[in-house]
Amino acid sequence: LARAGKVKSATPKVEKQEKQKSPKGRARKRLIYTRRFVNVTLTGGKRKV
């Protein structure tokens, strides 16, 4: 147990970046729908975006 947390303490601290807020509610459902079903191209029976 002496080596517990060795990696986390060794990694340099990076500040969280500001990013666009993700849509909530209906808008998010719409985003997920388009990601799953609209931009889909079938290649050899496998689903690919």
PDB file of N, CA and C in Angstrom:
ATOM      1  N   LEU A   1       0.812  -1.223   0.000  1.00  0.00           N
ATOM      2  CA  LEU A   1       0.000   0.000   0.000  1.00  0.00           C
ATOM      3  C   LEU A   1       0.841   1.267   0.000  1.00  0.00           C
ATOM      4  N   ALA A   2       2.141   1.103   0.098  1.00  0.00           N
ATOM      5  CA  ALA A   2       3.024   2.269   0.141  1.00  0.00           C
ATOM      6  C   ALA A   2       3.025   3.040  -1.174  1.00  0.00           C
ATOM      7  N   ARG A   3       2.758   2.341  -2.290  1.00  0.00           N
ATOM      8  CA  ARG A   3       2.806   2.999  -3.599  1.00  0.00           C
ATOM      9  C   ARG A   3       1.453   3.524  -4.066  1.00  0.00           C
ATOM     10  N   ALA A   4       0.473   3.548  -3.206  1.00  0.00           N
ATOM     11  CA  ALA A   4      -0.875   3.968  -3.603  1.00  0.00           C
ATOM     12  C   ALA A   4      -0.885   5.430  -4.043  1.00  0.00           C
ATOM     13  N   GLY A   5      -1.504   5.695  -5.193  1.00  0.00           N
ATOM     14  CA  GLY A   5      -1.645   7.068  -5.689  1.00  0.00           C
ATOM     15  C   GLY A   5      -0.392   7.646  -6.297  1.00  0.00           C
ATOM     16  N   LYS A   6       0.550   6.809  -6.701  1.00  0.00           N
ATOM     17  CA  LYS A   6       1.811   7.329  -7.220  1.00  0.00           C
ATOM     18  C   LYS A   6       1.639   8.001  -8.585  1.00  0.00           C
ATOM     19  N   VAL A   7       0.748   7.487  -9.409  1.00  0.00           N
ATOM     20  CA  VAL A   7       0.577   8.043 -10.751  1.00  0.00           C
ATOM     21  C   VAL A   7      -0.109   9.397 -10.693  1.00  0.00           C
ATOM     22  N   LYS A   8      -1.163   9.500  -9.893  1.00  0.00           N
ATOM     23  CA  LYS A   8      -1.914  10.751  -9.807  1.00  0.00           C
ATOM     24  C   LYS A   8      -1.051  11.892  -9.297  1.00  0.00           C
ATOM     25  N   SER A   9      -0.188  11.599  -8.324  1.00  0.00           N
ATOM     26  CA  SER A   9       0.669  12.650  -7.779  1.00  0.00           C
ATOM     27  C   SER A   9       1.779  13.036  -8.753  1.00  0.00           C
ATOM     28  N   ALA A  10       2.136  12.125  -9.663  1.00  0.00           N
ATOM     29  CA  ALA A  10       3.220  12.394 -10.608  1.00  0.00           C
ATOM     30  C   ALA A  10       2.773  13.179 -11.841  1.00  0.00           C
ATOM     31  N   THR A  11       1.485  13.117 -12.181  1.00  0.00           N
ATOM     32  CA  THR A  11       1.021  13.801 -13.391  1.00  0.00           C
ATOM     33  C   THR A  11       0.877  15.298 -13.148  1.00  0.00           C
ATOM     34  N   PRO A  12       1.258  16.111 -14.153  1.00  0.00           N
ATOM     35  CA  PRO A  12       1.159  17.565 -13.976  1.00  0.00           C
ATOM     36  C   PRO A  12      -0.291  18.033 -13.934  1.00  0.00           C
ATOM     37  N   LYS A  13      -0.552  19.037 -13.131  1.00  0.00           N
ATOM     38  CA  LYS A  13      -1.906  19.566 -12.969  1.00  0.00           C
ATOM     39  C   LYS A  13      -2.266  20.404 -14.183  1.00  0.00           C
ATOM     40  N   VAL A  14      -3.375  20.072 -14.813  1.00  0.00           N
ATOM     41  CA  VAL A  14      -3.864  20.828 -15.963  1.00  0.00           C
ATOM     42  C   VAL A  14      -5.231  21.377 -15.614  1.00  0.00           C
ATOM     43  N   GLU A  15      -5.407  22.683 -15.787  1.00  0.00           N
ATOM     44  CA  GLU A  15      -6.683  23.324 -15.471  1.00  0.00           C
ATOM     45  C   GLU A  15      -7.763  22.854 -16.434  1.00  0.00           C
ATOM     46  N   LYS A  16      -8.984  22.764 -15.942  1.00  0.00           N
ATOM     47  CA  LYS A  16     -10.114  22.387 -16.794  1.00  0.00           C
ATOM     48  C   LYS A  16     -10.363  23.495 -17.809  1.00  0.00           C
ATOM     49  N   GLN A  17     -10.611  23.078 -19.063  1.00  0.00           N
ATOM     50  CA  GLN A  17     -10.866  24.038 -20.125  1.00  0.00           C
ATOM     51  C   GLN A  17     -12.334  24.423 -20.153  1.00  0.00           C
ATOM     52  N   GLU A  18     -12.588  25.657 -20.579  1.00  0.00           N
ATOM     53  CA  GLU A  18     -13.975  26.095 -20.749  1.00  0.00           C
ATOM     54  C   GLU A  18     -14.483  25.552 -22.069  1.00  0.00           C
ATOM     55  N   LYS A  19     -15.638  24.894 -22.021  1.00  0.00           N
ATOM     56  CA  LYS A  19     -16.218  24.384 -23.250  1.00  0.00           C
ATOM     57  C   LYS A  19     -17.698  24.734 -23.324  1.00  0.00           C
ATOM     58  N   GLN A  20     -18.248  24.613 -24.548  1.00  0.00           N
ATOM     59  CA  GLN A  20     -19.653  24.930 -24.769  1.00  0.00           C
ATOM     60  C   GLN A  20     -20.534  24.045 -23.910  1.00  0.00           C
ATOM     61  N   LYS A  21     -21.611  24.613 -23.399  1.00  0.00           N
ATOM     62  CA  LYS A  21     -22.524  23.798 -22.597  1.00  0.00           C
ATOM     63  C   LYS A  21     -23.258  22.822 -23.511  1.00  0.00           C
ATOM     64  N   SER A  22     -23.390  21.572 -23.066  1.00  0.00           N
ATOM     65  CA  SER A  22     -24.082  20.576 -23.870  1.00  0.00           C
ATOM     66  C   SER A  22     -25.577  20.789 -23.745  1.00  0.00           C
ATOM     67  N   PRO A  23     -26.315  20.540 -24.842  1.00  0.00           N
ATOM     68  CA  PRO A  23     -27.758  20.743 -24.792  1.00  0.00           C
ATOM     69  C   PRO A  23     -28.440  19.797 -23.817  1.00  0.00           C
ATOM     70  N   LYS A  24     -29.538  20.268 -23.241  1.00  0.00           N
ATOM     71  CA  LYS A  24     -30.272  19.477 -22.256  1.00  0.00           C
ATOM     72  C   LYS A  24     -31.668  19.148 -22.782  1.00  0.00           C
ATOM     73  N   GLY A  25     -32.259  18.115 -22.211  1.00  0.00           N
ATOM     74  CA  GLY A  25     -33.653  17.786 -22.512  1.00  0.00           C
ATOM     75  C   GLY A  25     -33.893  17.337 -23.932  1.00  0.00           C
ATOM     76  N   ARG A  26     -34.877  17.961 -24.575  1.00  0.00           N
ATOM     77  CA  ARG A  26     -35.271  17.592 -25.931  1.00  0.00           C
ATOM     78  C   ARG A  26     -34.127  17.760 -26.921  1.00  0.00           C
ATOM     79  N   ALA A  27     -33.384  18.842 -26.771  1.00  0.00           N
ATOM     80  CA  ALA A  27     -32.294  19.138 -27.702  1.00  0.00           C
ATOM     81  C   ALA A  27     -31.211  18.061 -27.660  1.00  0.00           C
ATOM     82  N   ARG A  28     -30.955  17.548 -26.472  1.00  0.00           N
ATOM     83  CA  ARG A  28     -29.953  16.490 -26.332  1.00  0.00           C
ATOM     84  C   ARG A  28     -30.413  15.198 -26.990  1.00  0.00           C
ATOM     85  N   LYS A  29     -31.699  14.869 -26.800  1.00  0.00           N
ATOM     86  CA  LYS A  29     -32.269  13.677 -27.427  1.00  0.00           C
ATOM     87  C   LYS A  29     -32.135  13.767 -28.940  1.00  0.00           C
ATOM     88  N   ARG A  30     -32.349  14.966 -29.472  1.00  0.00           N
ATOM     89  CA  ARG A  30     -32.242  15.197 -30.905  1.00  0.00           C
ATOM     90  C   ARG A  30     -30.814  14.970 -31.378  1.00  0.00           C
ATOM     91  N   LEU A  31     -29.849  15.477 -30.595  1.00  0.00           N
ATOM     92  CA  LEU A  31     -28.441  15.318 -30.919  1.00  0.00           C
ATOM     93  C   LEU A  31     -28.050  13.842 -30.969  1.00  0.00           C
ATOM     94  N   ILE A  32     -28.490  13.091 -29.961  1.00  0.00           N
ATOM     95  CA  ILE A  32     -28.181  11.665 -29.883  1.00  0.00           C
ATOM     96  C   ILE A  32     -28.827  10.902 -31.039  1.00  0.00           C
ATOM     97  N   TYR A  33     -30.067  11.277 -31.386  1.00  0.00           N
ATOM     98  CA  TYR A  33     -30.772  10.648 -32.507  1.00  0.00           C
ATOM     99  C   TYR A  33     -29.998  10.839 -33.798  1.00  0.00           C
ATOM    100  N   THR A  34     -29.562  12.079 -34.057  1.00  0.00           N
ATOM    101  CA  THR A  34     -28.821  12.342 -35.291  1.00  0.00           C
ATOM    102  C   THR A  34     -27.494  11.601 -35.296  1.00  0.00           C
ATOM    103  N   ARG A  35     -26.850  11.521 -34.138  1.00  0.00           N
ATOM    104  CA  ARG A  35     -25.573  10.823 -34.041  1.00  0.00           C
ATOM    105  C   ARG A  35     -25.734   9.328 -34.327  1.00  0.00           C
ATOM    106  N   ARG A  36     -26.843   8.750 -33.856  1.00  0.00           N
ATOM    107  CA  ARG A  36     -27.030   7.302 -33.988  1.00  0.00           C
ATOM    108  C   ARG A  36     -27.627   6.873 -35.316  1.00  0.00           C
ATOM    109  N   PHE A  37     -28.642   7.595 -35.795  1.00  0.00           N
ATOM    110  CA  PHE A  37     -29.412   7.099 -36.931  1.00  0.00           C
ATOM    111  C   PHE A  37     -29.266   7.883 -38.222  1.00  0.00           C
ATOM    112  N   VAL A  38     -28.902   9.145 -38.172  1.00  0.00           N
ATOM    113  CA  VAL A  38     -28.889   9.952 -39.380  1.00  0.00           C
ATOM    114  C   VAL A  38     -27.544   9.875 -40.097  1.00  0.00           C
ATOM    115  N   ASN A  39     -26.428   9.986 -39.357  1.00  0.00           N
ATOM    116  CA  ASN A  39     -25.105   9.994 -39.991  1.00  0.00           C
ATOM    117  C   ASN A  39     -24.514   8.601 -40.181  1.00  0.00           C
ATOM    118  N   VAL A  40     -25.366   7.563 -40.195  1.00  0.00           N
ATOM    119  CA  VAL A  40     -24.861   6.192 -40.217  1.00  0.00           C
ATOM    120  C   VAL A  40     -24.606   5.731 -41.639  1.00  0.00           C
ATOM    121  N   THR A  41     -23.430   5.130 -41.855  1.00  0.00           N
ATOM    122  CA  THR A  41     -23.142   4.478 -43.128  1.00  0.00           C
ATOM    123  C   THR A  41     -22.850   3.013 -42.849  1.00  0.00           C
ATOM    124  N   LEU A  42     -23.533   2.116 -43.555  1.00  0.00           N
ATOM    125  CA  LEU A  42     -23.338   0.683 -43.338  1.00  0.00           C
ATOM    126  C   LEU A  42     -22.162   0.184 -44.168  1.00  0.00           C
ATOM    127  N   THR A  43     -21.216  -0.488 -43.513  1.00  0.00           N
ATOM    128  CA  THR A  43     -20.075  -1.071 -44.212  1.00  0.00           C
ATOM    129  C   THR A  43     -19.932  -2.525 -43.775  1.00  0.00           C
ATOM    130  N   GLY A  44     -20.264  -3.435 -44.666  1.00  0.00           N
ATOM    131  CA  GLY A  44     -20.134  -4.863 -44.373  1.00  0.00           C
ATOM    132  C   GLY A  44     -20.986  -5.333 -43.215  1.00  0.00           C
ATOM    133  N   GLY A  45     -22.178  -4.753 -43.073  1.00  0.00           N
ATOM    134  CA  GLY A  45     -23.067  -5.161 -41.997  1.00  0.00           C
ATOM    135  C   GLY A  45     -22.745  -4.528 -40.653  1.00  0.00           C
ATOM    136  N   LYS A  46     -21.620  -3.827 -40.579  1.00  0.00           N
ATOM    137  CA  LYS A  46     -21.238  -3.153 -39.336  1.00  0.00           C
ATOM    138  C   LYS A  46     -21.659  -1.691 -39.417  1.00  0.00           C
ATOM    139  N   ARG A  47     -22.066  -1.132 -38.279  1.00  0.00           N
ATOM    140  CA  ARG A  47     -22.489   0.264 -38.264  1.00  0.00           C
ATOM    141  C   ARG A  47     -21.270   1.159 -38.110  1.00  0.00           C
ATOM    142  N   LYS A  48     -21.176   2.171 -38.962  1.00  0.00           N
ATOM    143  CA  LYS A  48     -20.051   3.098 -38.875  1.00  0.00           C
ATOM    144  C   LYS A  48     -20.550   4.521 -39.050  1.00  0.00           C
ATOM    145  N   VAL A  49     -20.004   5.446 -38.286  1.00  0.00           N
ATOM    146  CA  VAL A  49     -20.432   6.848 -38.361  1.00  0.00           C
ATOM    147  C   VAL A  49     -19.730   7.528 -39.509  1.00  0.00           C
TER     148      VAL A  49
END
